[in-house]
Amino acid sequence: MGRALVVKSDKKTTVVMPDEITLPEGQVDVRVVGNDVVLSPTPEKLDIDRFIQLLQELPDDMFEGIKDERPPETREEF
């Protein structure tokens, strides 16, 4: 684990990461967990075409064996 350099100027804070840590270019998500600051790559937005493609790639038998075969309950009328 290396150490990063934190530089403040005006209202901005810049974090200079050690050479052994690389992040993707662009934006990262930042969250504070206790005393830790966690940087995570921002996930790509999923467009509708990609979503449909992913749905089509699901196996046909994905829900096999989990169907509830019990008969419907009989309940009293109100």
PDB file of N, CA and C in Angstrom:
ATOM      1  N   MET A   1       0.847  -1.171   0.000  1.00  0.00           N
ATOM      2  CA  MET A   1       0.000   0.000   0.000  1.00  0.00           C
ATOM      3  C   MET A   1       0.894   1.235   0.000  1.00  0.00           C
ATOM      4  N   GLY A   2       0.609   2.163  -0.900  1.00  0.00           N
ATOM      5  CA  GLY A   2       1.378   3.398  -0.970  1.00  0.00           C
ATOM      6  C   GLY A   2       0.639   4.530  -0.275  1.00  0.00           C
ATOM      7  N   ARG A   3       1.222   5.682  -0.351  1.00  0.00           N
ATOM      8  CA  ARG A   3       0.582   6.872   0.200  1.00  0.00           C
ATOM      9  C   ARG A   3       0.337   7.855  -0.923  1.00  0.00           C
ATOM     10  N   ALA A   4      -0.796   8.549  -0.829  1.00  0.00           N
ATOM     11  CA  ALA A   4      -1.139   9.552  -1.825  1.00  0.00           C
ATOM     12  C   ALA A   4      -0.852  10.934  -1.245  1.00  0.00           C
ATOM     13  N   LEU A   5      -0.656  11.891  -2.131  1.00  0.00           N
ATOM     14  CA  LEU A   5      -0.418  13.266  -1.741  1.00  0.00           C
ATOM     15  C   LEU A   5      -1.715  14.036  -1.942  1.00  0.00           C
ATOM     16  N   VAL A   6      -2.153  14.772  -0.918  1.00  0.00           N
ATOM     17  CA  VAL A   6      -3.370  15.568  -1.004  1.00  0.00           C
ATOM     18  C   VAL A   6      -2.969  17.037  -1.126  1.00  0.00           C
ATOM     19  N   VAL A   7      -3.442  17.698  -2.182  1.00  0.00           N
ATOM     20  CA  VAL A   7      -3.115  19.094  -2.436  1.00  0.00           C
ATOM     21  C   VAL A   7      -4.422  19.880  -2.492  1.00  0.00           C
ATOM     22  N   LYS A   8      -4.526  20.941  -1.703  1.00  0.00           N
ATOM     23  CA  LYS A   8      -5.728  21.773  -1.703  1.00  0.00           C
ATOM     24  C   LYS A   8      -5.407  23.120  -2.332  1.00  0.00           C
ATOM     25  N   SER A   9      -6.315  23.566  -3.210  1.00  0.00           N
ATOM     26  CA  SER A   9      -6.190  24.902  -3.784  1.00  0.00           C
ATOM     27  C   SER A   9      -7.608  25.424  -4.030  1.00  0.00           C
ATOM     28  N   ASP A  10      -7.844  26.642  -3.599  1.00  0.00           N
ATOM     29  CA  ASP A  10      -9.181  27.234  -3.666  1.00  0.00           C
ATOM     30  C   ASP A  10     -10.176  26.276  -2.992  1.00  0.00           C
ATOM     31  N   LYS A  11     -11.199  25.852  -3.732  1.00  0.00           N
ATOM     32  CA  LYS A  11     -12.211  24.961  -3.163  1.00  0.00           C
ATOM     33  C   LYS A  11     -12.047  23.525  -3.651  1.00  0.00           C
ATOM     34  N   LYS A  12     -10.918  23.250  -4.284  1.00  0.00           N
ATOM     35  CA  LYS A  12     -10.707  21.917  -4.842  1.00  0.00           C
ATOM     36  C   LYS A  12      -9.634  21.172  -4.068  1.00  0.00           C
ATOM     37  N   THR A  13      -9.777  19.859  -4.035  1.00  0.00           N
ATOM     38  CA  THR A  13      -8.777  18.991  -3.435  1.00  0.00           C
ATOM     39  C   THR A  13      -8.309  18.018  -4.500  1.00  0.00           C
ATOM     40  N   THR A  14      -7.018  17.928  -4.693  1.00  0.00           N
ATOM     41  CA  THR A  14      -6.434  17.010  -5.665  1.00  0.00           C
ATOM     42  C   THR A  14      -5.695  15.915  -4.913  1.00  0.00           C
ATOM     43  N   VAL A  15      -5.919  14.687  -5.325  1.00  0.00           N
ATOM     44  CA  VAL A  15      -5.220  13.553  -4.729  1.00  0.00           C
ATOM     45  C   VAL A  15      -4.270  13.000  -5.777  1.00  0.00           C
ATOM     46  N   VAL A  16      -2.982  13.021  -5.479  1.00  0.00           N
ATOM     47  CA  VAL A  16      -1.967  12.474  -6.382  1.00  0.00           C
ATOM     48  C   VAL A  16      -1.680  11.055  -5.913  1.00  0.00           C
ATOM     49  N   MET A  17      -2.069  10.093  -6.746  1.00  0.00           N
ATOM     50  CA  MET A  17      -1.961   8.686  -6.375  1.00  0.00           C
ATOM     51  C   MET A  17      -0.543   8.172  -6.608  1.00  0.00           C
ATOM     52  N   PRO A  18      -0.111   7.185  -5.820  1.00  0.00           N
ATOM     53  CA  PRO A  18       1.189   6.567  -6.072  1.00  0.00           C
ATOM     54  C   PRO A  18       1.186   5.853  -7.431  1.00  0.00           C
ATOM     55  N   ASP A  19       2.355   5.683  -8.000  1.00  0.00           N
ATOM     56  CA  ASP A  19       2.481   5.090  -9.337  1.00  0.00           C
ATOM     57  C   ASP A  19       1.862   3.696  -9.438  1.00  0.00           C
ATOM     58  N   GLU A  20       1.899   2.932  -8.360  1.00  0.00           N
ATOM     59  CA  GLU A  20       1.396   1.551  -8.446  1.00  0.00           C
ATOM     60  C   GLU A  20      -0.127   1.461  -8.450  1.00  0.00           C
ATOM     61  N   ILE A  21      -0.799   2.574  -8.226  1.00  0.00           N
ATOM     62  CA  ILE A  21      -2.267   2.573  -8.235  1.00  0.00           C
ATOM     63  C   ILE A  21      -2.731   3.304  -9.479  1.00  0.00           C
ATOM     64  N   THR A  22      -3.524   2.612 -10.300  1.00  0.00           N
ATOM     65  CA  THR A  22      -4.055   3.244 -11.500  1.00  0.00           C
ATOM     66  C   THR A  22      -5.573   3.249 -11.438  1.00  0.00           C
ATOM     67  N   LEU A  23      -6.137   4.314 -11.917  1.00  0.00           N
ATOM     68  CA  LEU A  23      -7.590   4.451 -11.999  1.00  0.00           C
ATOM     69  C   LEU A  23      -7.948   4.751 -13.447  1.00  0.00           C
ATOM     70  N   PRO A  24      -9.173   4.386 -13.851  1.00  0.00           N
ATOM     71  CA  PRO A  24      -9.574   4.705 -15.218  1.00  0.00           C
ATOM     72  C   PRO A  24      -9.709   6.216 -15.377  1.00  0.00           C
ATOM     73  N   GLU A  25      -9.473   6.689 -16.596  1.00  0.00           N
ATOM     74  CA  GLU A  25      -9.647   8.117 -16.851  1.00  0.00           C
ATOM     75  C   GLU A  25     -11.120   8.463 -16.761  1.00  0.00           C
ATOM     76  N   GLY A  26     -11.391   9.677 -16.385  1.00  0.00           N
ATOM     77  CA  GLY A  26     -12.775  10.113 -16.266  1.00  0.00           C
ATOM     78  C   GLY A  26     -13.150  10.290 -14.810  1.00  0.00           C
ATOM     79  N   GLN A  27     -14.363   9.946 -14.493  1.00  0.00           N
ATOM     80  CA  GLN A  27     -14.863  10.150 -13.148  1.00  0.00           C
ATOM     81  C   GLN A  27     -14.794   8.875 -12.319  1.00  0.00           C
ATOM     82  N   VAL A  28     -14.704   9.052 -11.007  1.00  0.00           N
ATOM     83  CA  VAL A  28     -14.817   7.952 -10.054  1.00  0.00           C
ATOM     84  C   VAL A  28     -15.861   8.351  -9.023  1.00  0.00           C
ATOM     85  N   ASP A  29     -16.502   7.365  -8.425  1.00  0.00           N
ATOM     86  CA  ASP A  29     -17.435   7.628  -7.337  1.00  0.00           C
ATOM     87  C   ASP A  29     -16.637   7.743  -6.047  1.00  0.00           C
ATOM     88  N   VAL A  30     -17.017   8.691  -5.201  1.00  0.00           N
ATOM     89  CA  VAL A  30     -16.314   8.924  -3.942  1.00  0.00           C
ATOM     90  C   VAL A  30     -17.319   8.770  -2.814  1.00  0.00           C
ATOM     91  N   ARG A  31     -16.954   7.976  -1.808  1.00  0.00           N
ATOM     92  CA  ARG A  31     -17.810   7.871  -0.625  1.00  0.00           C
ATOM     93  C   ARG A  31     -16.921   7.776   0.613  1.00  0.00           C
ATOM     94  N   VAL A  32     -17.467   8.225   1.717  1.00  0.00           N
ATOM     95  CA  VAL A  32     -16.747   8.180   2.983  1.00  0.00           C
ATOM     96  C   VAL A  32     -17.333   7.041   3.805  1.00  0.00           C
ATOM     97  N   VAL A  33     -16.466   6.149   4.265  1.00  0.00           N
ATOM     98  CA  VAL A  33     -16.874   5.017   5.100  1.00  0.00           C
ATOM     99  C   VAL A  33     -16.085   5.133   6.389  1.00  0.00           C
ATOM    100  N   GLY A  34     -16.741   5.612   7.441  1.00  0.00           N
ATOM    101  CA  GLY A  34     -16.026   5.866   8.693  1.00  0.00           C
ATOM    102  C   GLY A  34     -14.995   6.945   8.470  1.00  0.00           C
ATOM    103  N   ASN A  35     -13.726   6.634   8.718  1.00  0.00           N
ATOM    104  CA  ASN A  35     -12.637   7.581   8.487  1.00  0.00           C
ATOM    105  C   ASN A  35     -11.975   7.396   7.126  1.00  0.00           C
ATOM    106  N   ASP A  36     -12.483   6.463   6.333  1.00  0.00           N
ATOM    107  CA  ASP A  36     -11.871   6.144   5.042  1.00  0.00           C
ATOM    108  C   ASP A  36     -12.588   6.862   3.906  1.00  0.00           C
ATOM    109  N   VAL A  37     -11.825   7.245   2.903  1.00  0.00           N
ATOM    110  CA  VAL A  37     -12.382   7.781   1.661  1.00  0.00           C
ATOM    111  C   VAL A  37     -12.165   6.706   0.605  1.00  0.00           C
ATOM    112  N   VAL A  38     -13.259   6.266  -0.025  1.00  0.00           N
ATOM    113  CA  VAL A  38     -13.196   5.166  -0.974  1.00  0.00           C
ATOM    114  C   VAL A  38     -13.482   5.700  -2.375  1.00  0.00           C
ATOM    115  N   LEU A  39     -12.560   5.440  -3.311  1.00  0.00           N
ATOM    116  CA  LEU A  39     -12.739   5.808  -4.711  1.00  0.00           C
ATOM    117  C   LEU A  39     -13.071   4.539  -5.487  1.00  0.00           C
ATOM    118  N   SER A  40     -14.134   4.573  -6.270  1.00  0.00           N
ATOM    119  CA  SER A  40     -14.534   3.421  -7.075  1.00  0.00           C
ATOM    120  C   SER A  40     -14.782   3.877  -8.501  1.00  0.00           C
ATOM    121  N   PRO A  41     -14.392   3.076  -9.486  1.00  0.00           N
ATOM    122  CA  PRO A  41     -14.702   3.448 -10.866  1.00  0.00           C
ATOM    123  C   PRO A  41     -16.214   3.629 -11.025  1.00  0.00           C
ATOM    124  N   THR A  42     -16.634   4.682 -11.705  1.00  0.00           N
ATOM    125  CA  THR A  42     -18.050   4.915 -11.952  1.00  0.00           C
ATOM    126  C   THR A  42     -18.528   3.867 -12.944  1.00  0.00           C
ATOM    127  N   PRO A  43     -19.587   3.116 -12.574  1.00  0.00           N
ATOM    128  CA  PRO A  43     -20.052   2.082 -13.502  1.00  0.00           C
ATOM    129  C   PRO A  43     -20.616   2.704 -14.776  1.00  0.00           C
ATOM    130  N   GLU A  44     -20.452   1.979 -15.861  1.00  0.00           N
ATOM    131  CA  GLU A  44     -21.000   2.452 -17.127  1.00  0.00           C
ATOM    132  C   GLU A  44     -22.521   2.438 -17.039  1.00  0.00           C
ATOM    133  N   LYS A  45     -23.126   3.415 -17.677  1.00  0.00           N
ATOM    134  CA  LYS A  45     -24.588   3.434 -17.723  1.00  0.00           C
ATOM    135  C   LYS A  45     -25.046   2.353 -18.676  1.00  0.00           C
ATOM    136  N   LEU A  46     -26.063   1.647 -18.275  1.00  0.00           N
ATOM    137  CA  LEU A  46     -26.577   0.547 -19.073  1.00  0.00           C
ATOM    138  C   LEU A  46     -27.697   1.061 -19.965  1.00  0.00           C
ATOM    139  N   ASP A  47     -27.480   1.048 -21.266  1.00  0.00           N
ATOM    140  CA  ASP A  47     -28.542   1.517 -22.153  1.00  0.00           C
ATOM    141  C   ASP A  47     -29.540   0.391 -22.387  1.00  0.00           C
ATOM    142  N   ILE A  48     -30.703   0.737 -22.884  1.00  0.00           N
ATOM    143  CA  ILE A  48     -31.790  -0.230 -23.030  1.00  0.00           C
ATOM    144  C   ILE A  48     -31.416  -1.372 -23.978  1.00  0.00           C
ATOM    145  N   ASP A  49     -30.671  -1.072 -25.027  1.00  0.00           N
ATOM    146  CA  ASP A  49     -30.276  -2.132 -25.958  1.00  0.00           C
ATOM    147  C   ASP A  49     -29.365  -3.152 -25.271  1.00  0.00           C
ATOM    148  N   ARG A  50     -28.429  -2.664 -24.474  1.00  0.00           N
ATOM    149  CA  ARG A  50     -27.529  -3.565 -23.744  1.00  0.00           C
ATOM    150  C   ARG A  50     -28.316  -4.370 -22.711  1.00  0.00           C
ATOM    151  N   PHE A  51     -29.293  -3.739 -22.066  1.00  0.00           N
ATOM    152  CA  PHE A  51     -30.129  -4.424 -21.082  1.00  0.00           C
ATOM    153  C   PHE A  51     -30.890  -5.574 -21.736  1.00  0.00           C
ATOM    154  N   ILE A  52     -31.485  -5.311 -22.890  1.00  0.00           N
ATOM    155  CA  ILE A  52     -32.228  -6.357 -23.607  1.00  0.00           C
ATOM    156  C   ILE A  52     -31.285  -7.479 -24.025  1.00  0.00           C
ATOM    157  N   GLN A  53     -30.095  -7.117 -24.473  1.00  0.00           N
ATOM    158  CA  GLN A  53     -29.113  -8.132 -24.856  1.00  0.00           C
ATOM    159  C   GLN A  53     -28.767  -9.019 -23.661  1.00  0.00           C
ATOM    160  N   LEU A  54     -28.552  -8.401 -22.491  1.00  0.00           N
ATOM    161  CA  LEU A  54     -28.234  -9.183 -21.292  1.00  0.00           C
ATOM    162  C   LEU A  54     -29.389 -10.095 -20.902  1.00  0.00           C
ATOM    163  N   LEU A  55     -30.620  -9.606 -21.025  1.00  0.00           N
ATOM    164  CA  LEU A  55     -31.784 -10.450 -20.728  1.00  0.00           C
ATOM    165  C   LEU A  55     -31.845 -11.655 -21.660  1.00  0.00           C
ATOM    166  N   GLN A  56     -31.543 -11.430 -22.926  1.00  0.00           N
ATOM    167  CA  GLN A  56     -31.595 -12.518 -23.902  1.00  0.00           C
ATOM    168  C   GLN A  56     -30.495 -13.553 -23.664  1.00  0.00           C
ATOM    169  N   GLU A  57     -29.435 -13.153 -22.986  1.00  0.00           N
ATOM    170  CA  GLU A  57     -28.332 -14.076 -22.711  1.00  0.00           C
ATOM    171  C   GLU A  57     -28.597 -14.957 -21.492  1.00  0.00           C
ATOM    172  N   LEU A  58     -29.666 -14.653 -20.729  1.00  0.00           N
ATOM    173  CA  LEU A  58     -29.976 -15.483 -19.568  1.00  0.00           C
ATOM    174  C   LEU A  58     -30.379 -16.876 -20.029  1.00  0.00           C
ATOM    175  N   PRO A  59     -29.998 -17.911 -19.288  1.00  0.00           N
ATOM    176  CA  PRO A  59     -30.356 -19.277 -19.700  1.00  0.00           C
ATOM    177  C   PRO A  59     -31.867 -19.506 -19.609  1.00  0.00           C
ATOM    178  N   ASP A  60     -32.401 -20.308 -20.541  1.00  0.00           N
ATOM    179  CA  ASP A  60     -33.838 -20.583 -20.571  1.00  0.00           C
ATOM    180  C   ASP A  60     -34.310 -21.302 -19.310  1.00  0.00           C
ATOM    181  N   ASP A  61     -33.442 -22.103 -18.713  1.00  0.00           N
ATOM    182  CA  ASP A  61     -33.845 -22.886 -17.537  1.00  0.00           C
ATOM    183  C   ASP A  61     -33.486 -22.175 -16.221  1.00  0.00           C
ATOM    184  N   MET A  62     -33.321 -20.883 -16.273  1.00  0.00           N
ATOM    185  CA  MET A  62     -32.871 -20.141 -15.105  1.00  0.00           C
ATOM    186  C   MET A  62     -33.795 -20.325 -13.894  1.00  0.00           C
ATOM    187  N   PHE A  63     -35.097 -20.390 -14.130  1.00  0.00           N
ATOM    188  CA  PHE A  63     -36.038 -20.500 -13.020  1.00  0.00           C
ATOM    189  C   PHE A  63     -36.592 -21.918 -12.862  1.00  0.00           C
ATOM    190  N   GLU A  64     -35.984 -22.854 -13.556  1.00  0.00           N
ATOM    191  CA  GLU A  64     -36.455 -24.239 -13.483  1.00  0.00           C
ATOM    192  C   GLU A  64     -36.304 -24.774 -12.064  1.00  0.00           C
ATOM    193  N   GLY A  65     -37.342 -25.433 -11.597  1.00  0.00           N
ATOM    194  CA  GLY A  65     -37.274 -26.054 -10.271  1.00  0.00           C
ATOM    195  C   GLY A  65     -37.613 -25.129  -9.115  1.00  0.00           C
ATOM    196  N   ILE A  66     -37.959 -23.883  -9.393  1.00  0.00           N
ATOM    197  CA  ILE A  66     -38.306 -23.004  -8.271  1.00  0.00           C
ATOM    198  C   ILE A  66     -39.762 -22.550  -8.331  1.00  0.00           C
ATOM    199  N   LYS A  67     -40.519 -23.072  -9.298  1.00  0.00           N
ATOM    200  CA  LYS A  67     -41.923 -22.698  -9.421  1.00  0.00           C
ATOM    201  C   LYS A  67     -42.715 -23.305  -8.273  1.00  0.00           C
ATOM    202  N   ASP A  68     -43.595 -22.509  -7.690  1.00  0.00           N
ATOM    203  CA  ASP A  68     -44.445 -22.970  -6.590  1.00  0.00           C
ATOM    204  C   ASP A  68     -45.614 -23.739  -7.182  1.00  0.00           C
ATOM    205  N   GLU A  69     -45.650 -25.045  -6.965  1.00  0.00           N
ATOM    206  CA  GLU A  69     -46.676 -25.907  -7.550  1.00  0.00           C
ATOM    207  C   GLU A  69     -47.870 -26.122  -6.622  1.00  0.00           C
ATOM    208  N   ARG A  70     -47.877 -25.477  -5.468  1.00  0.00           N
ATOM    209  CA  ARG A  70     -49.002 -25.670  -4.543  1.00  0.00           C
ATOM    210  C   ARG A  70     -50.283 -25.087  -5.134  1.00  0.00           C
ATOM    211  N   PRO A  71     -51.438 -25.700  -4.813  1.00  0.00           N
ATOM    212  CA  PRO A  71     -52.702 -25.132  -5.307  1.00  0.00           C
ATOM    213  C   PRO A  71     -52.991 -23.810  -4.582  1.00  0.00           C
ATOM    214  N   PRO A  72     -53.775 -22.922  -5.182  1.00  0.00           N
ATOM    215  CA  PRO A  72     -54.077 -21.658  -4.515  1.00  0.00           C
ATOM    216  C   PRO A  72     -54.823 -21.882  -3.205  1.00  0.00           C
ATOM    217  N   GLU A  73     -54.604 -21.003  -2.250  1.00  0.00           N
ATOM    218  CA  GLU A  73     -55.296 -21.108  -0.964  1.00  0.00           C
ATOM    219  C   GLU A  73     -56.765 -20.725  -1.122  1.00  0.00           C
ATOM    220  N   THR A  74     -57.603 -21.370  -0.337  1.00  0.00           N
ATOM    221  CA  THR A  74     -59.002 -20.987  -0.309  1.00  0.00           C
ATOM    222  C   THR A  74     -59.192 -20.087   0.900  1.00  0.00           C
ATOM    223  N   ARG A  75     -59.794 -18.941   0.672  1.00  0.00           N
ATOM    224  CA  ARG A  75     -59.982 -18.000   1.759  1.00  0.00           C
ATOM    225  C   ARG A  75     -61.450 -17.652   1.913  1.00  0.00           C
ATOM    226  N   GLU A  76     -61.763 -17.224   3.142  1.00  0.00           N
ATOM    227  CA  GLU A  76     -63.111 -16.782   3.431  1.00  0.00           C
ATOM    228  C   GLU A  76     -63.426 -15.506   2.684  1.00  0.00           C
ATOM    229  N   GLU A  77     -64.673 -15.389   2.203  1.00  0.00           N
ATOM    230  CA  GLU A  77     -65.089 -14.142   1.549  1.00  0.00           C
ATOM    231  C   GLU A  77     -65.250 -13.067   2.615  1.00  0.00           C
ATOM    232  N   PHE A  78     -65.177 -11.812   2.210  1.00  0.00           N
ATOM    233  CA  PHE A  78     -65.401 -10.703   3.152  1.00  0.00           C
ATOM    234  C   PHE A  78     -66.851 -10.519   3.445  1.00  0.00           C
TER     235      PHE A  78
END
